[in-house]
Amino acid sequence: MTITELVGEIKKKKSFLCVGLDVDLTKTPSHLLNTEDPIFEFNKQIIDATHHLAVAYKPNTAFYEAYGIKGWQSLDKTINYINQNYPEIFTIADAKRGDIGNTSTMYAKAFFEDLNFDSVTVAPYMGSDSVEPFLAFKDKFTIMLALTSNKGGLDFQGKDLINNKPLYKEVIKTSLTWNNSENLMFVVGATKAEYFKGIREIAPNSFLLVPGVGAQGGSLEGVCEFGLNKENIGLLINSSRGIIYASKGEDFANAAQIEAQKLQAQMAKILADNNIA
């Protein structure tokens, strides 16, 4: 998928919603546990109920790896289902990988070639040669951790360097000098909405994947006030638990659709208010 195609889908649906597919079988409806593949069946029904409201899906691979080979097979079936039935959807493997060059190349092949995701999240701590192997893949995107929404996110990311610039800003600035940096996106947590203005000064045109809206308490309006880019929107707002676990009953897919619709309606209004059609 290209950025142009992603932006076109956002404008068509009037939505920049990403649904996180973080499946925990202790939280899914009990009637699904009797199916052949409860994880895939859960995902399939969530996807079918929300695909017209979302522009992206983001499975966190830990929620599949925890179930061994069967979990990985469920992930494979999930991504294949999206690609075959809703090819216009942008897919994100939330794997947070990062290692020395030859290892990163193998990680990239696993997610971009074997599983055929459009993008993967990576950790930048090991520097350019751990990220550039991901960036080398055409029409694939590398979403790099920049400023995360978790409680300990500022333990390191917010520390000032000797130039009095916080680490997360230097990470973003430096990464934009790497080979194929046009394939970079960044993770910026919604609970850090006040930081978006400064981030946009460094990366005005980059897409930002924004977790933390909903269950983690992040504000959609606050993020959009400083993070929205009028040229290409530039935001993918992720919601996981607030959508997929809206109900534990047999109506779970319908409940998920209702919650997704609420966010999509807010996004449509924000786009209209900013004269983005």
Protein backbone atom coordinates (compact mmCIF):
# COMPACT_ATOMS: atom_id res chain seq x y z
CA MET A 1 0.00 0.00 0.00
CA THR A 2 1.14 3.56 -0.72
CA ILE A 3 0.61 6.69 1.35
CA THR A 4 -1.61 8.05 -1.42
CA GLU A 5 -3.84 4.98 -1.15
CA LEU A 6 -3.97 5.24 2.64
CA VAL A 7 -4.90 8.93 2.54
CA GLY A 8 -7.55 8.17 -0.09
CA GLU A 9 -9.10 5.56 2.18
CA ILE A 10 -9.09 7.99 5.12
CA LYS A 11 -10.91 10.61 3.07
CA LYS A 12 -13.35 8.08 1.65
CA LYS A 13 -14.35 6.72 5.06
CA LYS A 14 -13.89 10.04 6.89
CA SER A 15 -11.97 8.06 9.43
CA PHE A 16 -8.40 7.56 10.59
CA LEU A 17 -9.32 4.78 13.01
CA CYS A 18 -7.03 1.83 13.62
CA VAL A 19 -8.51 -1.12 15.52
CA GLY A 20 -6.08 -3.07 17.67
CA LEU A 21 -6.65 -6.82 17.50
CA ASP A 22 -5.15 -7.80 20.86
CA VAL A 23 -6.94 -11.05 21.58
CA ASP A 24 -6.94 -12.32 25.15
CA LEU A 25 -9.04 -15.50 25.39
CA THR A 26 -9.84 -14.75 29.04
CA LYS A 27 -11.74 -11.66 27.83
CA THR A 28 -13.41 -12.96 24.70
CA PRO A 29 -17.02 -14.26 24.67
CA SER A 30 -17.15 -17.77 26.11
CA HIS A 31 -19.21 -19.21 23.25
CA LEU A 32 -16.26 -18.70 20.89
CA LEU A 33 -14.09 -21.06 22.91
CA ASN A 34 -15.97 -23.98 21.38
CA THR A 35 -15.01 -23.00 17.83
CA GLU A 36 -12.08 -24.51 15.93
CA ASP A 37 -10.02 -21.32 16.16
CA PRO A 38 -11.42 -18.92 18.79
CA ILE A 39 -8.83 -16.22 18.12
CA PHE A 40 -9.46 -16.09 14.40
CA GLU A 41 -13.22 -16.34 14.81
CA PHE A 42 -13.16 -13.40 17.23
CA ASN A 43 -11.01 -11.34 14.86
CA LYS A 44 -13.09 -12.25 11.82
CA GLN A 45 -16.31 -11.06 13.41
CA ILE A 46 -14.68 -7.85 14.70
CA ILE A 47 -13.25 -7.13 11.25
CA ASP A 48 -16.52 -7.82 9.45
CA ALA A 49 -18.36 -5.51 11.84
CA THR A 50 -15.89 -2.59 11.69
CA HIS A 51 -14.11 -2.64 8.32
CA HIS A 52 -16.29 0.17 6.92
CA LEU A 53 -15.35 2.38 9.88
CA ALA A 54 -11.62 1.65 10.19
CA VAL A 55 -8.72 2.25 7.84
CA ALA A 56 -6.24 0.02 9.68
CA TYR A 57 -5.97 -3.07 11.86
CA LYS A 58 -3.11 -3.67 14.28
CA PRO A 59 -2.60 -7.11 15.81
CA ASN A 60 -0.09 -7.02 18.66
CA THR A 61 1.96 -10.15 18.01
CA ALA A 62 2.46 -10.89 21.73
CA PHE A 63 -1.23 -11.82 21.98
CA TYR A 64 -0.65 -14.51 19.35
CA GLU A 65 2.83 -15.66 20.32
CA ALA A 66 1.53 -16.37 23.82
CA TYR A 67 -0.57 -19.21 22.38
CA GLY A 68 2.34 -20.89 20.60
CA ILE A 69 2.11 -22.21 17.07
CA LYS A 70 -1.70 -22.13 17.16
CA GLY A 71 -1.62 -18.44 17.99
CA TRP A 72 0.78 -17.74 15.13
CA GLN A 73 -1.51 -19.68 12.79
CA SER A 74 -4.42 -17.54 13.99
CA LEU A 75 -2.39 -14.42 13.17
CA ASP A 76 -1.61 -15.79 9.71
CA LYS A 77 -5.30 -16.53 9.09
CA THR A 78 -6.25 -13.07 10.34
CA ILE A 79 -3.90 -11.15 8.05
CA ASN A 80 -4.84 -13.35 5.09
CA TYR A 81 -8.51 -12.71 5.77
CA ILE A 82 -7.99 -8.95 5.79
CA ASN A 83 -5.83 -8.97 2.66
CA GLN A 84 -8.24 -11.17 0.72
CA ASN A 85 -11.51 -9.56 1.78
CA TYR A 86 -10.58 -5.96 2.60
CA PRO A 87 -7.38 -5.20 0.65
CA GLU A 88 -7.95 -1.46 1.07
CA ILE A 89 -7.21 -1.78 4.80
CA PHE A 90 -3.75 -0.80 6.07
CA THR A 91 -2.27 -3.55 8.24
CA ILE A 92 0.18 -3.12 11.10
CA ALA A 93 2.17 -5.89 12.77
CA ASP A 94 2.72 -4.49 16.24
CA ALA A 95 5.86 -6.49 16.94
CA LYS A 96 8.31 -3.81 18.17
CA ARG A 97 11.27 -5.63 16.65
CA GLY A 98 14.84 -4.31 16.34
CA ASP A 99 18.22 -6.01 16.17
CA ILE A 100 21.49 -5.98 14.22
CA GLY A 101 21.19 -5.67 10.47
CA ASN A 102 20.98 -9.28 9.27
CA THR A 103 18.52 -10.16 12.03
CA SER A 104 16.36 -7.13 11.26
CA THR A 105 16.32 -8.18 7.60
CA MET A 106 14.89 -11.54 8.63
CA TYR A 107 12.31 -9.88 10.87
CA ALA A 108 11.31 -7.66 7.94
CA LYS A 109 10.97 -10.63 5.61
CA ALA A 110 8.80 -12.43 8.15
CA PHE A 111 6.29 -9.60 8.41
CA PHE A 112 6.49 -8.03 4.95
CA GLU A 113 6.96 -11.09 2.73
CA ASP A 114 5.65 -14.14 4.58
CA LEU A 115 2.74 -12.54 6.45
CA ASN A 116 2.34 -9.66 3.96
CA PHE A 117 1.70 -6.87 6.45
CA ASP A 118 1.85 -3.30 5.17
CA SER A 119 3.87 -2.15 8.17
CA VAL A 120 5.61 -3.23 11.35
CA THR A 121 6.50 -1.44 14.58
CA VAL A 122 10.18 -1.33 15.55
CA ALA A 123 12.30 -0.18 18.48
CA PRO A 124 15.10 2.27 17.55
CA TYR A 125 17.44 1.75 20.49
CA MET A 126 20.11 -0.02 18.39
CA GLY A 127 20.21 2.76 15.79
CA SER A 128 20.20 3.07 12.02
CA ASP A 129 21.50 -0.37 11.05
CA SER A 130 18.72 -2.01 13.07
CA VAL A 131 15.96 -0.02 11.32
CA GLU A 132 17.18 0.55 7.76
CA PRO A 133 16.69 -3.13 6.76
CA PHE A 134 12.96 -2.61 7.35
CA LEU A 135 12.97 0.66 5.41
CA ALA A 136 14.44 -1.01 2.32
CA PHE A 137 11.14 -2.71 1.41
CA LYS A 138 9.15 -0.85 -1.25
CA ASP A 139 5.60 0.20 -0.34
CA LYS A 140 6.10 -1.15 3.18
CA PHE A 141 6.28 1.07 6.25
CA THR A 142 8.31 1.01 9.43
CA ILE A 143 6.57 2.51 12.44
CA MET A 144 9.23 3.48 14.95
CA LEU A 145 8.67 3.99 18.66
CA ALA A 146 9.17 7.67 19.46
CA LEU A 147 7.11 8.75 22.48
CA THR A 148 4.99 6.02 24.01
CA SER A 149 1.83 6.23 26.10
CA ASN A 150 2.86 3.89 28.92
CA LYS A 151 3.58 5.11 32.46
CA GLY A 152 7.34 4.61 32.15
CA GLY A 153 7.58 6.11 28.68
CA LEU A 154 9.36 9.22 29.89
CA ASP A 155 11.91 7.32 31.98
CA PHE A 156 14.27 7.51 29.00
CA GLN A 157 12.34 9.10 26.12
CA GLY A 158 11.86 12.39 27.97
CA LYS A 159 15.41 12.73 29.31
CA ASP A 160 17.26 15.81 28.09
CA LEU A 161 20.53 15.23 26.29
CA ILE A 162 23.61 17.47 26.57
CA ASN A 163 22.06 19.76 23.92
CA ASN A 164 19.02 20.18 26.19
CA LYS A 165 16.81 18.37 23.66
CA PRO A 166 14.73 15.42 24.89
CA LEU A 167 15.80 12.03 23.60
CA TYR A 168 12.55 11.34 21.72
CA LYS A 169 13.01 14.48 19.60
CA GLU A 170 16.56 13.51 18.71
CA VAL A 171 15.40 10.00 17.81
CA ILE A 172 12.82 11.38 15.38
CA LYS A 173 15.17 14.00 13.92
CA THR A 174 18.03 11.54 13.42
CA SER A 175 15.86 8.81 11.91
CA LEU A 176 14.66 11.17 9.19
CA THR A 177 18.25 11.26 7.86
CA TRP A 178 18.39 7.48 7.35
CA ASN A 179 18.11 5.72 3.99
CA ASN A 180 14.53 5.39 2.75
CA SER A 181 13.22 7.50 5.64
CA GLU A 182 10.16 8.31 3.52
CA ASN A 183 8.98 4.86 4.64
CA LEU A 184 9.04 5.88 8.30
CA MET A 185 6.08 6.47 10.57
CA PHE A 186 6.23 7.08 14.32
CA VAL A 187 4.43 5.84 17.42
CA VAL A 188 3.36 8.76 19.61
CA GLY A 189 1.05 8.09 22.55
CA ALA A 190 -2.26 9.93 22.90
CA THR A 191 -1.63 10.44 26.60
CA LYS A 192 1.20 12.79 25.59
CA ALA A 193 -1.04 15.08 23.48
CA GLU A 194 0.77 18.24 24.60
CA TYR A 195 3.95 17.00 22.89
CA PHE A 196 2.46 16.74 19.40
CA LYS A 197 3.17 20.36 18.47
CA GLY A 198 6.91 19.91 18.96
CA ILE A 199 6.89 16.58 17.14
CA ARG A 200 5.13 18.14 14.16
CA GLU A 201 7.84 20.80 13.98
CA ILE A 202 10.37 18.00 13.41
CA ALA A 203 8.25 15.62 11.32
CA PRO A 204 5.47 17.71 9.73
CA ASN A 205 4.49 15.18 7.08
CA SER A 206 5.07 11.82 8.75
CA PHE A 207 2.20 9.58 9.73
CA LEU A 208 1.87 9.08 13.48
CA LEU A 209 0.37 5.93 14.95
CA VAL A 210 -1.35 7.05 18.14
CA PRO A 211 -2.28 4.48 20.80
CA GLY A 212 -3.87 5.43 24.09
CA VAL A 213 -7.23 6.85 23.02
CA GLY A 214 -10.06 5.27 24.97
CA ALA A 215 -9.11 2.79 27.67
CA GLN A 216 -5.80 4.57 28.42
CA GLY A 217 -7.49 7.97 28.70
CA GLY A 218 -5.97 9.82 25.73
CA SER A 219 -7.97 12.65 24.14
CA LEU A 220 -8.80 12.43 20.43
CA GLU A 221 -9.45 16.17 20.24
CA GLY A 222 -6.18 16.99 22.01
CA VAL A 223 -4.17 14.81 19.64
CA CYS A 224 -5.83 16.26 16.54
CA GLU A 225 -5.40 19.86 17.67
CA PHE A 226 -1.64 19.63 17.25
CA GLY A 227 -1.10 16.36 15.37
CA LEU A 228 -3.45 16.62 12.39
CA ASN A 229 -1.79 17.38 9.07
CA LYS A 230 -4.12 19.11 6.61
CA GLU A 231 -2.19 17.78 3.63
CA ASN A 232 -2.41 14.06 4.32
CA ILE A 233 -4.14 13.87 7.75
CA GLY A 234 -1.05 12.10 9.08
CA LEU A 235 -2.70 10.29 11.99
CA LEU A 236 -3.79 6.74 12.70
CA ILE A 237 -5.66 6.67 16.00
CA ASN A 238 -5.59 3.23 17.58
CA SER A 239 -8.23 1.85 19.90
CA SER A 240 -8.06 -1.75 21.09
CA ARG A 241 -9.82 -2.68 24.32
CA GLY A 242 -12.42 0.07 24.07
CA ILE A 243 -13.70 -1.47 20.83
CA ILE A 244 -13.01 -5.19 20.79
CA TYR A 245 -14.03 -5.80 24.41
CA ALA A 246 -17.11 -3.59 24.40
CA SER A 247 -19.13 -6.72 25.22
CA LYS A 248 -18.40 -10.26 26.36
CA GLY A 249 -21.75 -11.52 25.09
CA GLU A 250 -22.81 -12.92 21.76
CA ASP A 251 -23.41 -9.33 20.65
CA PHE A 252 -19.68 -8.51 20.93
CA ALA A 253 -19.22 -7.71 17.23
CA ASN A 254 -22.21 -5.38 17.18
CA ALA A 255 -21.01 -3.70 20.37
CA ALA A 256 -17.58 -3.23 18.78
CA GLN A 257 -19.21 -1.66 15.73
CA ILE A 258 -21.10 0.81 17.94
CA GLU A 259 -17.91 1.90 19.71
CA ALA A 260 -16.02 2.19 16.42
CA GLN A 261 -18.87 4.24 15.00
CA LYS A 262 -18.61 6.69 17.90
CA LEU A 263 -14.92 7.30 17.17
CA GLN A 264 -15.48 7.49 13.41
CA ALA A 265 -18.19 10.11 13.92
CA GLN A 266 -15.83 12.22 16.03
CA MET A 267 -13.14 11.88 13.36
CA ALA A 268 -15.54 12.85 10.59
CA LYS A 269 -16.43 16.00 12.49
CA ILE A 270 -12.78 16.87 13.08
CA LEU A 271 -12.01 16.44 9.38
CA ALA A 272 -15.01 18.60 8.44
CA ASP A 273 -14.05 21.28 10.96
CA ASN A 274 -10.58 21.39 9.38
CA ASN A 275 -12.01 21.50 5.83
CA ILE A 276 -10.50 18.12 4.97
CA ALA A 277 -12.84 16.22 2.65
